[in-house]
N, C-alpha and C. Protein backbone atom coordinates (compact mmCIF):
# COMPACT_ATOMS: atom_id res chain seq x y z
N UNK A 1 -25.14 -29.77 26.36
CA UNK A 1 -23.80 -30.00 25.83
C UNK A 1 -23.78 -29.66 24.34
N UNK A 2 -22.78 -28.88 23.93
CA UNK A 2 -22.62 -28.51 22.53
C UNK A 2 -21.77 -29.56 21.84
N UNK A 3 -22.27 -30.06 20.72
CA UNK A 3 -21.51 -31.02 19.94
C UNK A 3 -20.47 -30.24 19.15
N UNK A 4 -19.20 -30.63 19.28
CA UNK A 4 -18.11 -29.93 18.62
C UNK A 4 -17.90 -30.49 17.22
N UNK A 5 -18.17 -29.66 16.22
CA UNK A 5 -17.92 -30.05 14.83
C UNK A 5 -16.42 -29.93 14.57
N UNK A 6 -15.79 -30.98 14.03
CA UNK A 6 -14.35 -30.91 13.78
C UNK A 6 -14.00 -29.74 12.83
N UNK A 7 -12.85 -29.13 13.09
CA UNK A 7 -12.41 -27.98 12.30
C UNK A 7 -12.36 -28.33 10.82
N UNK A 8 -11.85 -29.49 10.49
CA UNK A 8 -11.73 -29.89 9.08
C UNK A 8 -13.10 -29.89 8.40
N UNK A 9 -14.12 -30.33 9.12
CA UNK A 9 -15.49 -30.33 8.58
C UNK A 9 -15.99 -28.91 8.38
N UNK A 10 -15.74 -28.03 9.35
CA UNK A 10 -16.15 -26.63 9.23
C UNK A 10 -15.52 -25.97 8.01
N UNK A 11 -14.24 -26.25 7.81
CA UNK A 11 -13.50 -25.66 6.69
C UNK A 11 -14.03 -26.21 5.37
N UNK A 12 -14.21 -27.52 5.30
CA UNK A 12 -14.72 -28.17 4.09
C UNK A 12 -16.12 -27.69 3.75
N UNK A 13 -16.97 -27.54 4.76
CA UNK A 13 -18.34 -27.09 4.53
C UNK A 13 -18.41 -25.68 3.94
N UNK A 14 -17.38 -24.88 4.16
CA UNK A 14 -17.36 -23.51 3.61
C UNK A 14 -16.58 -23.43 2.30
N UNK A 15 -16.20 -24.59 1.78
CA UNK A 15 -15.44 -24.65 0.52
C UNK A 15 -14.14 -23.86 0.58
N UNK A 16 -13.45 -23.94 1.72
CA UNK A 16 -12.17 -23.26 1.89
C UNK A 16 -11.07 -24.28 1.61
N UNK A 17 -10.17 -23.95 0.70
CA UNK A 17 -9.07 -24.85 0.36
C UNK A 17 -7.80 -24.38 1.06
N UNK A 18 -7.24 -25.26 1.89
CA UNK A 18 -6.01 -24.95 2.62
C UNK A 18 -5.01 -26.07 2.37
N UNK A 19 -3.70 -25.79 2.55
CA UNK A 19 -2.70 -26.84 2.41
C UNK A 19 -2.93 -27.94 3.47
N UNK A 20 -2.58 -29.16 3.16
CA UNK A 20 -2.82 -30.29 4.07
C UNK A 20 -2.18 -30.07 5.44
N UNK A 21 -0.96 -29.48 5.48
CA UNK A 21 -0.29 -29.28 6.77
C UNK A 21 -1.00 -28.27 7.66
N UNK A 22 -1.93 -27.49 7.07
CA UNK A 22 -2.64 -26.48 7.84
C UNK A 22 -3.31 -27.09 9.07
N UNK A 23 -3.98 -28.21 8.89
CA UNK A 23 -4.74 -28.79 10.00
C UNK A 23 -3.83 -29.26 11.13
N UNK A 24 -2.69 -29.83 10.78
CA UNK A 24 -1.73 -30.26 11.80
C UNK A 24 -1.18 -29.04 12.54
N UNK A 25 -0.81 -28.02 11.78
CA UNK A 25 -0.26 -26.81 12.39
C UNK A 25 -1.29 -26.13 13.29
N UNK A 26 -2.52 -26.01 12.82
CA UNK A 26 -3.53 -25.29 13.57
C UNK A 26 -3.94 -26.07 14.84
N UNK A 27 -3.90 -27.39 14.79
CA UNK A 27 -4.18 -28.17 16.00
C UNK A 27 -3.10 -27.93 17.05
N UNK A 28 -1.86 -27.85 16.60
CA UNK A 28 -0.75 -27.55 17.51
C UNK A 28 -0.90 -26.12 18.06
N UNK A 29 -1.27 -25.20 17.20
CA UNK A 29 -1.51 -23.81 17.62
C UNK A 29 -2.58 -23.77 18.71
N UNK A 30 -3.67 -24.53 18.53
CA UNK A 30 -4.77 -24.53 19.51
C UNK A 30 -4.30 -25.03 20.88
N UNK A 31 -3.42 -26.02 20.90
CA UNK A 31 -2.86 -26.54 22.16
C UNK A 31 -2.04 -25.45 22.84
N UNK A 32 -1.19 -24.78 22.06
CA UNK A 32 -0.38 -23.69 22.62
C UNK A 32 -1.25 -22.55 23.12
N UNK A 33 -2.27 -22.19 22.34
CA UNK A 33 -3.16 -21.10 22.73
C UNK A 33 -3.88 -21.42 24.04
N UNK A 34 -4.34 -22.65 24.17
CA UNK A 34 -5.04 -23.04 25.40
C UNK A 34 -4.13 -22.92 26.61
N UNK A 35 -2.87 -23.36 26.48
CA UNK A 35 -1.90 -23.27 27.59
C UNK A 35 -1.61 -21.81 27.95
N UNK A 36 -1.27 -21.01 26.95
CA UNK A 36 -0.90 -19.62 27.18
C UNK A 36 -2.09 -18.80 27.65
N UNK A 37 -3.25 -19.10 27.13
CA UNK A 37 -4.44 -18.31 27.45
C UNK A 37 -4.81 -18.43 28.93
N UNK A 38 -4.55 -19.57 29.53
CA UNK A 38 -4.86 -19.77 30.96
C UNK A 38 -4.04 -18.82 31.83
N UNK A 39 -2.83 -18.54 31.41
CA UNK A 39 -1.93 -17.69 32.20
C UNK A 39 -2.01 -16.22 31.78
N UNK A 40 -2.06 -15.98 30.47
CA UNK A 40 -1.91 -14.62 29.96
C UNK A 40 -3.19 -13.97 29.42
N UNK A 41 -4.29 -14.71 29.38
CA UNK A 41 -5.56 -14.18 28.88
C UNK A 41 -5.38 -13.46 27.53
N UNK A 42 -4.96 -14.23 26.53
CA UNK A 42 -4.63 -13.67 25.21
C UNK A 42 -5.84 -13.36 24.35
N UNK A 43 -6.92 -14.13 24.52
CA UNK A 43 -8.09 -13.97 23.66
C UNK A 43 -9.36 -14.27 24.43
N UNK A 44 -10.47 -13.73 23.94
CA UNK A 44 -11.77 -14.00 24.54
C UNK A 44 -12.31 -15.37 24.17
N UNK A 45 -11.72 -16.00 23.15
CA UNK A 45 -12.14 -17.34 22.75
C UNK A 45 -11.58 -18.34 23.76
N UNK A 46 -12.46 -18.92 24.56
CA UNK A 46 -12.02 -19.81 25.64
C UNK A 46 -12.29 -21.29 25.34
N UNK A 47 -13.34 -21.57 24.59
CA UNK A 47 -13.68 -22.97 24.31
C UNK A 47 -13.14 -23.38 22.95
N UNK A 48 -13.02 -24.69 22.74
CA UNK A 48 -12.57 -25.19 21.43
C UNK A 48 -13.54 -24.77 20.33
N UNK A 49 -14.82 -24.76 20.65
CA UNK A 49 -15.83 -24.33 19.67
C UNK A 49 -15.57 -22.88 19.24
N UNK A 50 -15.34 -21.99 20.21
CA UNK A 50 -15.07 -20.58 19.91
C UNK A 50 -13.78 -20.42 19.11
N UNK A 51 -12.75 -21.15 19.49
CA UNK A 51 -11.47 -21.07 18.79
C UNK A 51 -11.63 -21.55 17.35
N UNK A 52 -12.34 -22.66 17.15
CA UNK A 52 -12.59 -23.15 15.79
C UNK A 52 -13.33 -22.11 14.96
N UNK A 53 -14.31 -21.45 15.58
CA UNK A 53 -15.06 -20.41 14.86
C UNK A 53 -14.15 -19.25 14.48
N UNK A 54 -13.25 -18.85 15.38
CA UNK A 54 -12.29 -17.78 15.10
C UNK A 54 -11.37 -18.17 13.94
N UNK A 55 -10.96 -19.44 13.92
CA UNK A 55 -10.06 -19.93 12.87
C UNK A 55 -10.77 -19.90 11.51
N UNK A 56 -11.99 -20.40 11.47
CA UNK A 56 -12.75 -20.40 10.21
C UNK A 56 -13.00 -18.96 9.76
N UNK A 57 -13.33 -18.09 10.70
CA UNK A 57 -13.53 -16.67 10.40
C UNK A 57 -12.26 -16.07 9.80
N UNK A 58 -11.09 -16.44 10.34
CA UNK A 58 -9.82 -15.89 9.87
C UNK A 58 -9.50 -16.32 8.44
N UNK A 59 -9.80 -17.58 8.10
CA UNK A 59 -9.37 -18.09 6.79
C UNK A 59 -10.44 -17.98 5.69
N UNK A 60 -11.66 -17.65 6.04
CA UNK A 60 -12.71 -17.52 5.02
C UNK A 60 -12.30 -16.63 3.85
N UNK A 61 -11.58 -15.51 4.07
CA UNK A 61 -11.22 -14.66 2.94
C UNK A 61 -10.34 -15.31 1.87
N UNK A 62 -9.69 -16.42 2.18
CA UNK A 62 -8.87 -17.02 1.11
C UNK A 62 -9.75 -17.55 -0.02
N UNK A 63 -11.06 -17.61 0.21
CA UNK A 63 -11.97 -18.02 -0.86
C UNK A 63 -12.14 -16.90 -1.90
N UNK A 64 -11.81 -15.67 -1.54
CA UNK A 64 -11.98 -14.57 -2.50
C UNK A 64 -10.73 -13.71 -2.71
N UNK A 65 -9.67 -13.95 -1.95
CA UNK A 65 -8.45 -13.16 -2.12
C UNK A 65 -7.61 -13.69 -3.28
N UNK A 66 -6.98 -12.79 -4.06
CA UNK A 66 -6.03 -13.25 -5.06
C UNK A 66 -4.72 -13.66 -4.35
N UNK A 67 -3.85 -14.38 -5.04
CA UNK A 67 -2.55 -14.68 -4.42
C UNK A 67 -1.78 -13.38 -4.15
N UNK A 68 -1.14 -13.31 -3.00
CA UNK A 68 -0.33 -12.15 -2.64
C UNK A 68 1.01 -12.63 -2.11
N UNK A 69 2.02 -11.78 -2.25
CA UNK A 69 3.37 -12.15 -1.84
C UNK A 69 3.68 -11.68 -0.42
N UNK A 70 3.20 -10.48 -0.08
CA UNK A 70 3.61 -9.83 1.17
C UNK A 70 2.40 -9.24 1.87
N UNK A 71 2.17 -9.65 3.12
CA UNK A 71 1.00 -9.19 3.87
C UNK A 71 1.39 -8.71 5.26
N UNK A 72 0.56 -7.80 5.78
CA UNK A 72 0.73 -7.30 7.14
C UNK A 72 -0.61 -7.42 7.87
N UNK A 73 -0.55 -7.86 9.12
CA UNK A 73 -1.75 -7.90 9.95
C UNK A 73 -1.55 -6.92 11.09
N UNK A 74 -2.44 -5.94 11.19
CA UNK A 74 -2.35 -4.91 12.22
C UNK A 74 -3.14 -5.36 13.45
N UNK A 75 -2.46 -5.46 14.59
CA UNK A 75 -3.12 -5.85 15.84
C UNK A 75 -3.48 -7.32 15.87
N UNK A 76 -2.51 -8.17 15.65
CA UNK A 76 -2.75 -9.62 15.49
C UNK A 76 -3.33 -10.27 16.74
N UNK A 77 -3.05 -9.72 17.91
CA UNK A 77 -3.58 -10.32 19.14
C UNK A 77 -3.01 -11.71 19.34
N UNK A 78 -3.89 -12.69 19.54
CA UNK A 78 -3.46 -14.07 19.76
C UNK A 78 -3.26 -14.82 18.44
N UNK A 79 -3.41 -14.10 17.32
CA UNK A 79 -3.15 -14.73 16.03
C UNK A 79 -4.25 -14.62 15.01
N UNK A 80 -5.33 -13.95 15.37
CA UNK A 80 -6.48 -13.83 14.47
C UNK A 80 -6.51 -12.44 13.82
N UNK A 81 -6.45 -12.33 12.53
CA UNK A 81 -6.39 -13.41 11.56
C UNK A 81 -4.99 -13.77 11.08
N UNK A 82 -3.98 -12.90 11.36
CA UNK A 82 -2.67 -13.02 10.73
C UNK A 82 -1.96 -14.35 10.84
N UNK A 83 -1.84 -14.89 12.04
CA UNK A 83 -1.12 -16.16 12.22
C UNK A 83 -1.85 -17.30 11.51
N UNK A 84 -3.18 -17.29 11.60
CA UNK A 84 -3.97 -18.35 10.97
C UNK A 84 -3.86 -18.24 9.45
N UNK A 85 -3.94 -17.02 8.91
CA UNK A 85 -3.76 -16.82 7.47
C UNK A 85 -2.36 -17.26 7.02
N UNK A 86 -1.35 -16.99 7.84
CA UNK A 86 0.03 -17.39 7.49
C UNK A 86 0.14 -18.91 7.36
N UNK A 87 -0.57 -19.64 8.21
CA UNK A 87 -0.57 -21.11 8.11
C UNK A 87 -1.31 -21.57 6.85
N UNK A 88 -2.38 -20.85 6.51
CA UNK A 88 -3.22 -21.22 5.36
C UNK A 88 -2.62 -20.76 4.03
N UNK A 89 -1.72 -19.77 4.09
CA UNK A 89 -1.12 -19.19 2.87
C UNK A 89 0.41 -19.22 2.99
N UNK A 90 1.01 -20.40 2.96
CA UNK A 90 2.45 -20.51 3.22
C UNK A 90 3.35 -19.81 2.21
N UNK A 91 2.82 -19.47 1.02
CA UNK A 91 3.64 -18.77 0.02
C UNK A 91 3.62 -17.26 0.20
N UNK A 92 2.83 -16.79 1.16
CA UNK A 92 2.74 -15.35 1.45
C UNK A 92 3.54 -15.04 2.71
N UNK A 93 4.37 -14.01 2.67
CA UNK A 93 5.12 -13.61 3.86
C UNK A 93 4.27 -12.64 4.67
N UNK A 94 4.07 -12.96 5.95
CA UNK A 94 3.23 -12.17 6.84
C UNK A 94 4.06 -11.44 7.89
N UNK A 95 3.80 -10.15 8.06
CA UNK A 95 4.33 -9.37 9.17
C UNK A 95 3.18 -9.19 10.15
N UNK A 96 3.34 -9.74 11.35
CA UNK A 96 2.30 -9.65 12.37
C UNK A 96 2.68 -8.54 13.34
N UNK A 97 1.84 -7.52 13.42
CA UNK A 97 2.13 -6.35 14.26
C UNK A 97 1.26 -6.41 15.50
N UNK A 98 1.90 -6.55 16.65
CA UNK A 98 1.16 -6.67 17.92
C UNK A 98 1.94 -5.96 19.02
N UNK A 99 1.44 -4.81 19.52
CA UNK A 99 2.19 -4.04 20.51
C UNK A 99 2.21 -4.64 21.93
N UNK A 100 1.24 -5.47 22.27
CA UNK A 100 1.23 -6.04 23.63
C UNK A 100 2.27 -7.15 23.75
N UNK A 101 3.19 -7.00 24.69
CA UNK A 101 4.32 -7.91 24.83
C UNK A 101 3.90 -9.36 25.00
N UNK A 102 2.91 -9.63 25.84
CA UNK A 102 2.53 -11.03 26.09
C UNK A 102 1.98 -11.69 24.84
N UNK A 103 1.24 -10.93 24.03
CA UNK A 103 0.70 -11.49 22.79
C UNK A 103 1.79 -11.65 21.75
N UNK A 104 2.66 -10.66 21.63
CA UNK A 104 3.78 -10.75 20.67
C UNK A 104 4.69 -11.91 21.04
N UNK A 105 4.93 -12.13 22.33
CA UNK A 105 5.75 -13.27 22.77
C UNK A 105 5.10 -14.59 22.39
N UNK A 106 3.80 -14.68 22.55
CA UNK A 106 3.07 -15.89 22.15
C UNK A 106 3.21 -16.11 20.64
N UNK A 107 3.01 -15.08 19.85
CA UNK A 107 3.12 -15.20 18.39
C UNK A 107 4.53 -15.64 17.99
N UNK A 108 5.54 -15.08 18.65
CA UNK A 108 6.93 -15.46 18.37
C UNK A 108 7.17 -16.93 18.72
N UNK A 109 6.59 -17.37 19.84
CA UNK A 109 6.73 -18.77 20.27
C UNK A 109 6.07 -19.70 19.25
N UNK A 110 4.88 -19.35 18.80
CA UNK A 110 4.16 -20.16 17.80
C UNK A 110 4.97 -20.23 16.51
N UNK A 111 5.48 -19.08 16.08
CA UNK A 111 6.29 -19.04 14.85
C UNK A 111 7.46 -20.01 14.96
N UNK A 112 8.19 -19.95 16.08
CA UNK A 112 9.36 -20.81 16.28
C UNK A 112 8.96 -22.28 16.41
N UNK A 113 7.93 -22.54 17.21
CA UNK A 113 7.51 -23.92 17.48
C UNK A 113 7.00 -24.62 16.22
N UNK A 114 6.31 -23.88 15.37
CA UNK A 114 5.76 -24.47 14.14
C UNK A 114 6.69 -24.30 12.94
N UNK A 115 7.82 -23.60 13.14
CA UNK A 115 8.76 -23.41 12.05
C UNK A 115 8.18 -22.61 10.89
N UNK A 116 7.42 -21.56 11.22
CA UNK A 116 6.77 -20.74 10.20
C UNK A 116 7.75 -19.70 9.65
N UNK A 117 8.43 -20.06 8.58
CA UNK A 117 9.44 -19.17 7.99
C UNK A 117 8.82 -18.00 7.25
N UNK A 118 7.50 -18.04 7.03
CA UNK A 118 6.83 -16.94 6.31
C UNK A 118 6.23 -15.91 7.27
N UNK A 119 6.68 -15.92 8.53
CA UNK A 119 6.12 -15.01 9.54
C UNK A 119 7.22 -14.19 10.20
N UNK A 120 6.98 -12.88 10.35
CA UNK A 120 7.79 -12.00 11.19
C UNK A 120 6.85 -11.37 12.21
N UNK A 121 7.28 -11.32 13.45
CA UNK A 121 6.47 -10.72 14.51
C UNK A 121 7.13 -9.40 14.91
N UNK A 122 6.35 -8.33 14.91
CA UNK A 122 6.84 -7.01 15.33
C UNK A 122 6.09 -6.61 16.60
N UNK A 123 6.82 -6.55 17.71
CA UNK A 123 6.23 -6.17 19.00
C UNK A 123 6.22 -4.64 19.12
N UNK A 124 5.48 -4.02 18.22
CA UNK A 124 5.42 -2.56 18.14
C UNK A 124 4.01 -2.13 17.77
N UNK A 125 3.77 -0.85 17.90
CA UNK A 125 2.56 -0.26 17.32
C UNK A 125 2.85 -0.07 15.84
N UNK A 126 1.85 -0.18 15.00
CA UNK A 126 2.06 -0.08 13.56
C UNK A 126 2.66 1.27 13.18
N UNK A 127 2.36 2.32 13.93
CA UNK A 127 2.89 3.66 13.66
C UNK A 127 4.42 3.71 13.82
N UNK A 128 4.99 2.74 14.54
CA UNK A 128 6.43 2.73 14.79
C UNK A 128 7.23 2.01 13.69
N UNK A 129 6.53 1.37 12.77
CA UNK A 129 7.21 0.62 11.72
C UNK A 129 7.63 1.54 10.58
N UNK A 130 8.78 1.23 9.95
CA UNK A 130 9.17 2.03 8.78
C UNK A 130 8.20 1.77 7.63
N UNK A 131 8.00 2.78 6.82
CA UNK A 131 7.10 2.69 5.68
C UNK A 131 7.66 1.74 4.63
N UNK A 132 6.84 0.79 4.18
CA UNK A 132 7.20 -0.09 3.07
C UNK A 132 5.91 -0.67 2.50
N UNK A 133 5.89 -0.97 1.21
CA UNK A 133 4.65 -1.43 0.59
C UNK A 133 4.32 -2.90 0.87
N UNK A 134 3.03 -3.17 1.02
CA UNK A 134 2.51 -4.53 1.19
C UNK A 134 1.43 -4.76 0.14
N UNK A 135 1.25 -6.03 -0.25
CA UNK A 135 0.19 -6.40 -1.19
C UNK A 135 -1.16 -6.48 -0.50
N UNK A 136 -1.13 -6.88 0.78
CA UNK A 136 -2.35 -7.11 1.56
C UNK A 136 -2.13 -6.62 2.98
N UNK A 137 -3.10 -5.88 3.50
CA UNK A 137 -3.08 -5.45 4.91
C UNK A 137 -4.40 -5.89 5.52
N UNK A 138 -4.31 -6.63 6.62
CA UNK A 138 -5.51 -7.13 7.30
C UNK A 138 -5.59 -6.56 8.71
N UNK A 139 -6.80 -6.59 9.26
CA UNK A 139 -7.00 -6.19 10.64
C UNK A 139 -8.36 -6.67 11.11
N UNK A 140 -8.42 -7.10 12.37
CA UNK A 140 -9.66 -7.58 12.96
C UNK A 140 -9.80 -7.00 14.37
N UNK A 141 -10.91 -6.39 14.64
CA UNK A 141 -11.25 -5.91 15.99
C UNK A 141 -10.21 -4.95 16.57
N UNK A 142 -9.70 -4.04 15.73
CA UNK A 142 -8.71 -3.08 16.23
C UNK A 142 -9.32 -1.70 16.43
N UNK A 143 -9.88 -1.14 15.37
CA UNK A 143 -10.45 0.20 15.45
C UNK A 143 -11.41 0.39 14.28
N UNK A 144 -11.93 1.60 14.13
CA UNK A 144 -12.88 1.83 13.03
C UNK A 144 -12.15 1.95 11.69
N UNK A 145 -12.91 1.90 10.63
CA UNK A 145 -12.36 1.87 9.27
C UNK A 145 -11.52 3.11 8.96
N UNK A 146 -11.96 4.31 9.33
CA UNK A 146 -11.19 5.53 9.05
C UNK A 146 -9.80 5.46 9.68
N UNK A 147 -9.76 5.02 10.93
CA UNK A 147 -8.46 4.93 11.61
C UNK A 147 -7.58 3.85 10.96
N UNK A 148 -8.19 2.71 10.57
CA UNK A 148 -7.42 1.67 9.90
C UNK A 148 -6.84 2.16 8.57
N UNK A 149 -7.62 2.97 7.87
CA UNK A 149 -7.12 3.54 6.62
C UNK A 149 -5.91 4.45 6.87
N UNK A 150 -5.98 5.25 7.93
CA UNK A 150 -4.86 6.13 8.29
C UNK A 150 -3.63 5.31 8.68
N UNK A 151 -3.84 4.28 9.52
CA UNK A 151 -2.73 3.44 9.97
C UNK A 151 -2.08 2.68 8.81
N UNK A 152 -2.88 2.32 7.82
CA UNK A 152 -2.40 1.53 6.68
C UNK A 152 -1.67 2.36 5.64
N UNK A 153 -1.95 3.64 5.59
CA UNK A 153 -1.47 4.51 4.50
C UNK A 153 0.02 4.37 4.19
N UNK A 154 0.92 4.37 5.20
CA UNK A 154 2.36 4.29 4.88
C UNK A 154 2.77 2.96 4.22
N UNK A 155 1.87 1.98 4.23
CA UNK A 155 2.21 0.64 3.73
C UNK A 155 1.47 0.29 2.45
N UNK A 156 0.75 1.28 1.92
CA UNK A 156 -0.04 1.06 0.70
C UNK A 156 0.70 1.56 -0.53
N UNK A 157 0.46 0.86 -1.61
CA UNK A 157 0.91 1.28 -2.93
C UNK A 157 -0.25 1.01 -3.87
N UNK A 158 -0.14 1.40 -5.10
CA UNK A 158 -1.24 1.15 -6.04
C UNK A 158 -1.50 -0.35 -6.13
N UNK A 159 -2.74 -0.74 -5.87
CA UNK A 159 -3.11 -2.15 -5.93
C UNK A 159 -3.12 -2.87 -4.58
N UNK A 160 -2.63 -2.21 -3.52
CA UNK A 160 -2.67 -2.84 -2.19
C UNK A 160 -4.12 -3.14 -1.82
N UNK A 161 -4.34 -4.33 -1.28
CA UNK A 161 -5.67 -4.71 -0.79
C UNK A 161 -5.71 -4.55 0.72
N UNK A 162 -6.78 -3.95 1.20
CA UNK A 162 -7.02 -3.82 2.64
C UNK A 162 -8.20 -4.72 2.97
N UNK A 163 -8.01 -5.62 3.91
CA UNK A 163 -9.06 -6.55 4.31
C UNK A 163 -9.34 -6.35 5.79
N UNK A 164 -10.49 -5.76 6.09
CA UNK A 164 -10.85 -5.49 7.48
C UNK A 164 -12.02 -6.39 7.87
N UNK A 165 -11.85 -7.10 8.96
CA UNK A 165 -12.86 -8.01 9.49
C UNK A 165 -13.81 -7.19 10.34
N UNK A 166 -15.06 -7.07 9.90
CA UNK A 166 -16.00 -6.16 10.53
C UNK A 166 -17.31 -6.86 10.90
N UNK A 167 -18.10 -6.18 11.70
CA UNK A 167 -19.45 -6.62 12.02
C UNK A 167 -20.44 -5.92 11.11
N UNK A 168 -21.71 -6.00 11.45
CA UNK A 168 -22.74 -5.43 10.58
C UNK A 168 -22.71 -3.90 10.52
N UNK A 169 -22.02 -3.25 11.45
CA UNK A 169 -21.93 -1.78 11.43
C UNK A 169 -20.97 -1.27 10.36
N UNK A 170 -20.37 -2.18 9.62
CA UNK A 170 -19.42 -1.79 8.57
C UNK A 170 -20.05 -0.80 7.60
N UNK A 171 -21.34 -0.94 7.34
CA UNK A 171 -22.02 -0.05 6.39
C UNK A 171 -22.03 1.40 6.87
N UNK A 172 -21.96 1.60 8.20
CA UNK A 172 -21.92 2.95 8.76
C UNK A 172 -20.53 3.58 8.65
N UNK A 173 -19.51 2.74 8.38
CA UNK A 173 -18.12 3.21 8.37
C UNK A 173 -17.57 3.43 6.96
N UNK A 174 -18.38 3.19 5.94
CA UNK A 174 -17.89 3.22 4.57
C UNK A 174 -17.94 4.62 3.97
N UNK A 175 -16.83 5.00 3.40
CA UNK A 175 -16.76 6.22 2.61
C UNK A 175 -17.02 5.79 1.16
N UNK A 176 -18.05 6.33 0.57
CA UNK A 176 -18.47 5.90 -0.77
C UNK A 176 -17.42 6.17 -1.85
N UNK A 177 -16.43 7.00 -1.55
CA UNK A 177 -15.40 7.27 -2.55
C UNK A 177 -14.38 6.13 -2.66
N UNK A 178 -14.42 5.20 -1.73
CA UNK A 178 -13.49 4.07 -1.72
C UNK A 178 -13.87 3.04 -2.78
N UNK A 179 -12.86 2.34 -3.29
CA UNK A 179 -13.07 1.20 -4.19
C UNK A 179 -13.17 -0.03 -3.27
N UNK A 180 -14.39 -0.40 -2.91
CA UNK A 180 -14.56 -1.45 -1.90
C UNK A 180 -15.63 -2.47 -2.30
N UNK A 181 -15.54 -3.61 -1.62
CA UNK A 181 -16.54 -4.67 -1.71
C UNK A 181 -16.76 -5.16 -0.29
N UNK A 182 -18.00 -5.49 0.05
CA UNK A 182 -18.28 -6.11 1.34
C UNK A 182 -18.76 -7.54 1.07
N UNK A 183 -18.03 -8.49 1.64
CA UNK A 183 -18.39 -9.89 1.50
C UNK A 183 -19.02 -10.32 2.82
N UNK A 184 -20.28 -10.72 2.76
CA UNK A 184 -21.00 -11.11 3.97
C UNK A 184 -20.88 -12.61 4.18
N UNK A 185 -20.56 -12.99 5.41
CA UNK A 185 -20.52 -14.40 5.81
C UNK A 185 -21.27 -14.50 7.13
N UNK A 186 -21.40 -15.70 7.62
CA UNK A 186 -22.09 -15.91 8.89
C UNK A 186 -21.37 -15.15 10.01
N UNK A 187 -22.05 -14.25 10.67
CA UNK A 187 -21.52 -13.47 11.80
C UNK A 187 -20.34 -12.56 11.44
N UNK A 188 -20.11 -12.29 10.16
CA UNK A 188 -18.95 -11.48 9.78
C UNK A 188 -19.21 -10.76 8.47
N UNK A 189 -18.65 -9.55 8.38
CA UNK A 189 -18.62 -8.79 7.13
C UNK A 189 -17.13 -8.52 6.85
N UNK A 190 -16.69 -8.93 5.68
CA UNK A 190 -15.31 -8.70 5.27
C UNK A 190 -15.30 -7.49 4.34
N UNK A 191 -14.62 -6.44 4.77
CA UNK A 191 -14.52 -5.23 3.98
C UNK A 191 -13.21 -5.29 3.21
N UNK A 192 -13.30 -5.36 1.89
CA UNK A 192 -12.14 -5.45 1.02
C UNK A 192 -12.03 -4.15 0.23
N UNK A 193 -10.92 -3.42 0.45
CA UNK A 193 -10.71 -2.13 -0.18
C UNK A 193 -9.47 -2.24 -1.07
N UNK A 194 -9.59 -1.74 -2.29
CA UNK A 194 -8.43 -1.73 -3.18
C UNK A 194 -7.89 -0.32 -3.29
N UNK A 195 -6.60 -0.17 -3.09
CA UNK A 195 -5.92 1.13 -3.18
C UNK A 195 -5.47 1.38 -4.61
């Protein structure tokens, strides 16, 4: 039997500072995810332990990100990282881009149920969105870095930050001409690129 460490303890142990309402919101999110996941198979995270790990993985970057006003998450899936970041960063407006209808419907339901006014859900492929600048563009488990750079291009302006959640193969995907930093954490490499 695996002992489940409470999410609040996991977050505190990593020195991640989140608004107090984050924990209430994320617990409600986990209940919704568990219900929807049984029917729609939204994510590979099936246990509370896995979901907690995904949540901590999603919010770890707030320890090194500057404040941003407008963010986009490409391929949000069941909410990782975009929906979780939106709960942790209530002053940032997030556009969650998810082309799969069942996942986009779930994200829309979570937004409405939790009253997340800083979230817009786009049930489209990112290529279908009109070009507009964002301060931060995130993506996790969507495609390789070159493709993410191409997909992000219409939404970048000088100073836009690109945050890609990667595994250890990130070093094989880096173009040395980029202005980038790799932040290593347990089981994750965060690739931060400045445009």
